[in-house]
Amino acid sequence: MLHRTLLGIALATLAALVGCGGGKRDQLVAKAASDFSCDQGAITTEALGMYFEKAAGCGKEGSYVFDGQGWVSPIDRAAFEMSCPKSQLTSTVIERKTVGVTGCGKKGVYVLVTSPSGPSWLLNSTDDAGSAKQGASPSDQPVAK
C-alpha cells in the first residue's frame, strides 16, 4: 500500500512538472504579457522542449525556460546588458538552446545553460550596430590642418 501511495505522489509530482499546464502556463502568459507590454489575451505559447517555451503576441516573440520557481527569459538579462527596456526587446530561437535577442539597435546571442542551481541564459556574443558608423573607414575621417 505504501508503494502505491509513493508511486501516486511521484506521478502527481511529475504531472505537475511536465509541460506548461495549469498555473505554469498562466505564469508564462503573465510574464510574456509584461515583457511585451501586451494584453494577456493576445499571448500564445508553444512548447519547444521540456521546460522550454516560446511565447508570442503583439508582434513580439520571446523564449522562456522554467527554473523551478518561474519563467526566465534571455530578455531579462538583455535588458540590463543592452541598456534597453524589455518592451523594446524581442527574441528568436536560433537553435534548441540558443536564442537571439534584438532591440535598441543591438543584438546578442544567449545560450541556455543548466547547473545544479537551475537554468540560466548567458550572453555568448553581441553586435552593436549603432556603435560605429556603417561603411566608414579611417580614410573617411576629416583630417585636421
C-alpha atoms as a PDB file:
ATOM      1  CA  MET A   1       0.000   0.000   0.000  1.00  0.00           C
ATOM      2  CA  LEU A   2       2.838   2.394   0.849  1.00  0.00           C
ATOM      3  CA  HIS A   3       4.411   1.586  -2.533  1.00  0.00           C
ATOM      4  CA  ARG A   4       1.203   2.637  -4.351  1.00  0.00           C
ATOM      5  CA  THR A   5       0.963   5.829  -2.303  1.00  0.00           C
ATOM      6  CA  LEU A   6       4.560   6.783  -3.108  1.00  0.00           C
ATOM      7  CA  LEU A   7       4.012   5.922  -6.759  1.00  0.00           C
ATOM      8  CA  GLY A   8       0.876   8.089  -6.796  1.00  0.00           C
ATOM      9  CA  ILE A   9       2.747  11.009  -5.243  1.00  0.00           C
ATOM     10  CA  ALA A  10       5.616  10.608  -7.717  1.00  0.00           C
ATOM     11  CA  LEU A  11       3.232  10.521 -10.693  1.00  0.00           C
ATOM     12  CA  ALA A  12       1.301  13.551  -9.440  1.00  0.00           C
ATOM     13  CA  THR A  13       4.541  15.475  -8.961  1.00  0.00           C
ATOM     14  CA  LEU A  14       5.754  14.503 -12.430  1.00  0.00           C
ATOM     15  CA  ALA A  15       2.437  15.535 -13.983  1.00  0.00           C
ATOM     16  CA  ALA A  16       2.676  18.910 -12.253  1.00  0.00           C
ATOM     17  CA  LEU A  17       6.206  19.480 -13.551  1.00  0.00           C
ATOM     18  CA  VAL A  18       5.819  18.324 -17.170  1.00  0.00           C
ATOM     19  CA  GLY A  19       4.763  20.769 -19.861  1.00  0.00           C
ATOM     20  CA  CYS A  20       3.222  24.147 -19.445  1.00  0.00           C
ATOM     21  CA  GLY A  21      -0.095  23.162 -17.949  1.00  0.00           C
ATOM     22  CA  GLY A  22      -2.263  24.964 -15.455  1.00  0.00           C
ATOM     23  CA  GLY A  23      -0.564  27.501 -13.248  1.00  0.00           C
ATOM     24  CA  LYS A  24       2.741  27.360 -15.112  1.00  0.00           C
ATOM     25  CA  ARG A  25       1.057  28.365 -18.372  1.00  0.00           C
ATOM     26  CA  ASP A  26      -0.724  31.212 -16.593  1.00  0.00           C
ATOM     27  CA  GLN A  27       2.625  32.366 -15.157  1.00  0.00           C
ATOM     28  CA  LEU A  28       4.223  32.230 -18.608  1.00  0.00           C
ATOM     29  CA  VAL A  29       1.398  34.192 -20.241  1.00  0.00           C
ATOM     30  CA  ALA A  30       1.533  36.845 -17.494  1.00  0.00           C
ATOM     31  CA  LYS A  31       5.335  37.185 -17.785  1.00  0.00           C
ATOM     32  CA  ALA A  32       5.261  37.404 -21.582  1.00  0.00           C
ATOM     33  CA  ALA A  33       2.447  39.969 -21.481  1.00  0.00           C
ATOM     34  CA  SER A  34       4.505  42.084 -19.085  1.00  0.00           C
ATOM     35  CA  ASP A  35       7.700  41.693 -21.147  1.00  0.00           C
ATOM     36  CA  PHE A  36       5.897  42.612 -24.391  1.00  0.00           C
ATOM     37  CA  SER A  37       3.676  45.359 -22.866  1.00  0.00           C
ATOM     38  CA  CYS A  38       0.781  43.359 -24.276  1.00  0.00           C
ATOM     39  CA  ASP A  39      -2.633  42.107 -23.114  1.00  0.00           C
ATOM     40  CA  GLN A  40      -2.555  38.542 -21.745  1.00  0.00           C
ATOM     41  CA  GLY A  41      -5.369  37.547 -24.119  1.00  0.00           C
ATOM     42  CA  ALA A  42      -3.089  38.237 -27.101  1.00  0.00           C
ATOM     43  CA  ILE A  43      -0.341  35.851 -25.917  1.00  0.00           C
ATOM     44  CA  THR A  44       0.085  32.389 -27.452  1.00  0.00           C
ATOM     45  CA  THR A  45       2.575  29.762 -26.288  1.00  0.00           C
ATOM     46  CA  GLU A  46       4.345  26.837 -27.923  1.00  0.00           C
ATOM     47  CA  ALA A  47       6.365  24.090 -26.230  1.00  0.00           C
ATOM     48  CA  LEU A  48       9.900  23.825 -27.622  1.00  0.00           C
ATOM     49  CA  GLY A  49      11.104  21.197 -25.166  1.00  0.00           C
ATOM     50  CA  MET A  50      10.773  20.220 -21.545  1.00  0.00           C
ATOM     51  CA  TYR A  51      10.523  23.465 -19.534  1.00  0.00           C
ATOM     52  CA  PHE A  52      11.367  25.473 -22.687  1.00  0.00           C
ATOM     53  CA  GLU A  53       8.570  27.542 -24.271  1.00  0.00           C
ATOM     54  CA  LYS A  54       8.058  30.199 -26.887  1.00  0.00           C
ATOM     55  CA  ALA A  55       5.512  32.964 -26.321  1.00  0.00           C
ATOM     56  CA  ALA A  56       4.255  35.407 -28.939  1.00  0.00           C
ATOM     57  CA  GLY A  57       1.886  38.349 -29.029  1.00  0.00           C
ATOM     58  CA  CYS A  58       1.523  41.962 -30.168  1.00  0.00           C
ATOM     59  CA  GLY A  59       4.170  41.459 -32.864  1.00  0.00           C
ATOM     60  CA  LYS A  60       6.795  40.161 -30.426  1.00  0.00           C
ATOM     61  CA  GLU A  61       8.232  36.771 -29.632  1.00  0.00           C
ATOM     62  CA  GLY A  62      10.106  35.523 -26.587  1.00  0.00           C
ATOM     63  CA  SER A  63      11.775  32.355 -25.358  1.00  0.00           C
ATOM     64  CA  TYR A  64      11.397  31.183 -21.775  1.00  0.00           C
ATOM     65  CA  VAL A  65      12.730  28.420 -19.540  1.00  0.00           C
ATOM     66  CA  PHE A  66      11.141  27.352 -16.251  1.00  0.00           C
ATOM     67  CA  ASP A  67      13.750  27.469 -13.477  1.00  0.00           C
ATOM     68  CA  GLY A  68      11.651  25.708 -10.827  1.00  0.00           C
ATOM     69  CA  GLN A  69      10.212  28.943  -9.443  1.00  0.00           C
ATOM     70  CA  GLY A  70       9.212  30.941 -12.501  1.00  0.00           C
ATOM     71  CA  TRP A  71       9.801  31.609 -16.189  1.00  0.00           C
ATOM     72  CA  VAL A  72      13.143  33.155 -17.132  1.00  0.00           C
ATOM     73  CA  SER A  73      13.835  34.806 -20.470  1.00  0.00           C
ATOM     74  CA  PRO A  74      17.070  35.962 -22.071  1.00  0.00           C
ATOM     75  CA  ILE A  75      15.246  39.300 -22.337  1.00  0.00           C
ATOM     76  CA  ASP A  76      15.589  39.611 -18.544  1.00  0.00           C
ATOM     77  CA  ARG A  77      19.399  39.727 -18.858  1.00  0.00           C
ATOM     78  CA  ALA A  78      19.451  41.527 -22.198  1.00  0.00           C
ATOM     79  CA  ALA A  79      17.530  44.494 -20.783  1.00  0.00           C
ATOM     80  CA  PHE A  80      20.448  45.110 -18.440  1.00  0.00           C
ATOM     81  CA  GLU A  81      23.294  44.085 -20.744  1.00  0.00           C
ATOM     82  CA  MET A  82      21.962  46.093 -23.716  1.00  0.00           C
ATOM     83  CA  SER A  83      20.636  49.021 -21.630  1.00  0.00           C
ATOM     84  CA  CYS A  84      17.296  48.589 -23.387  1.00  0.00           C
ATOM     85  CA  PRO A  85      13.746  48.314 -21.939  1.00  0.00           C
ATOM     86  CA  LYS A  86      12.218  44.822 -22.075  1.00  0.00           C
ATOM     87  CA  SER A  87       9.291  46.181 -24.089  1.00  0.00           C
ATOM     88  CA  GLN A  88      11.707  47.057 -26.932  1.00  0.00           C
ATOM     89  CA  LEU A  89      13.416  43.644 -26.998  1.00  0.00           C
ATOM     90  CA  THR A  90      12.376  40.520 -28.862  1.00  0.00           C
ATOM     91  CA  SER A  91      13.939  37.084 -29.050  1.00  0.00           C
ATOM     92  CA  THR A  92      14.140  34.446 -31.751  1.00  0.00           C
ATOM     93  CA  VAL A  93      15.096  30.808 -31.316  1.00  0.00           C
ATOM     94  CA  ILE A  94      18.237  30.119 -33.359  1.00  0.00           C
ATOM     95  CA  GLU A  95      18.875  26.549 -32.216  1.00  0.00           C
ATOM     96  CA  ARG A  96      17.492  24.355 -29.465  1.00  0.00           C
ATOM     97  CA  LYS A  97      19.337  26.160 -26.633  1.00  0.00           C
ATOM     98  CA  THR A  98      20.413  29.315 -28.452  1.00  0.00           C
ATOM     99  CA  VAL A  99      18.320  32.482 -28.705  1.00  0.00           C
ATOM    100  CA  GLY A 100      18.969  35.788 -30.451  1.00  0.00           C
ATOM    101  CA  VAL A 101      17.758  38.973 -28.752  1.00  0.00           C
ATOM    102  CA  THR A 102      17.354  42.235 -30.683  1.00  0.00           C
ATOM    103  CA  GLY A 103      16.335  45.751 -29.747  1.00  0.00           C
ATOM    104  CA  CYS A 104      17.575  49.348 -29.374  1.00  0.00           C
ATOM    105  CA  GLY A 105      19.887  48.890 -32.397  1.00  0.00           C
ATOM    106  CA  LYS A 106      21.690  45.997 -30.716  1.00  0.00           C
ATOM    107  CA  LYS A 107      21.613  42.225 -30.839  1.00  0.00           C
ATOM    108  CA  GLY A 108      23.004  39.445 -28.710  1.00  0.00           C
ATOM    109  CA  VAL A 109      23.099  35.677 -28.734  1.00  0.00           C
ATOM    110  CA  TYR A 110      22.180  33.917 -25.488  1.00  0.00           C
ATOM    111  CA  VAL A 111      22.843  30.284 -24.655  1.00  0.00           C
ATOM    112  CA  LEU A 112      20.760  28.300 -22.173  1.00  0.00           C
ATOM    113  CA  VAL A 113      22.990  26.639 -19.588  1.00  0.00           C
ATOM    114  CA  THR A 114      21.962  24.369 -16.760  1.00  0.00           C
ATOM    115  CA  SER A 115      23.593  23.903 -13.397  1.00  0.00           C
ATOM    116  CA  PRO A 116      22.595  22.466 -10.015  1.00  0.00           C
ATOM    117  CA  SER A 117      21.190  25.903  -9.134  1.00  0.00           C
ATOM    118  CA  GLY A 118      18.934  25.838 -12.224  1.00  0.00           C
ATOM    119  CA  PRO A 119      18.882  27.008 -15.831  1.00  0.00           C
ATOM    120  CA  SER A 120      20.008  30.461 -16.880  1.00  0.00           C
ATOM    121  CA  TRP A 121      20.735  32.432 -20.049  1.00  0.00           C
ATOM    122  CA  LEU A 122      24.322  33.544 -20.705  1.00  0.00           C
ATOM    123  CA  LEU A 123      25.380  36.124 -23.266  1.00  0.00           C
ATOM    124  CA  ASN A 124      27.521  34.426 -25.908  1.00  0.00           C
ATOM    125  CA  SER A 125      28.098  37.239 -28.437  1.00  0.00           C
ATOM    126  CA  THR A 126      26.931  40.778 -29.195  1.00  0.00           C
ATOM    127  CA  ASP A 127      26.680  43.221 -32.055  1.00  0.00           C
ATOM    128  CA  ASP A 128      26.078  46.916 -31.559  1.00  0.00           C
ATOM    129  CA  ALA A 129      25.134  48.292 -34.968  1.00  0.00           C
ATOM    130  CA  GLY A 130      24.812  51.790 -33.528  1.00  0.00           C
ATOM    131  CA  SER A 131      28.340  51.980 -32.054  1.00  0.00           C
ATOM    132  CA  ALA A 132      30.206  52.543 -35.317  1.00  0.00           C
ATOM    133  CA  LYS A 133      29.384  54.398 -38.492  1.00  0.00           C
ATOM    134  CA  GLN A 134      28.415  51.787 -41.093  1.00  0.00           C
ATOM    135  CA  GLY A 135      30.877  51.681 -44.000  1.00  0.00           C
ATOM    136  CA  ALA A 136      33.245  54.294 -42.585  1.00  0.00           C
ATOM    137  CA  SER A 137      36.963  53.754 -42.832  1.00  0.00           C
ATOM    138  CA  PRO A 138      39.787  55.732 -41.215  1.00  0.00           C
ATOM    139  CA  SER A 139      40.383  57.490 -44.558  1.00  0.00           C
ATOM    140  CA  ASP A 140      36.784  58.822 -44.449  1.00  0.00           C
ATOM    141  CA  GLN A 141      37.559  60.835 -41.317  1.00  0.00           C
ATOM    142  CA  PRO A 142      38.314  64.545 -41.708  1.00  0.00           C
ATOM    143  CA  VAL A 143      41.961  65.439 -41.406  1.00  0.00           C
ATOM    144  CA  ALA A 144      42.888  68.351 -39.100  1.00  0.00           C
ATOM    145  CA  LYS A 145      45.033  71.004 -40.775  1.00  0.00           C
END
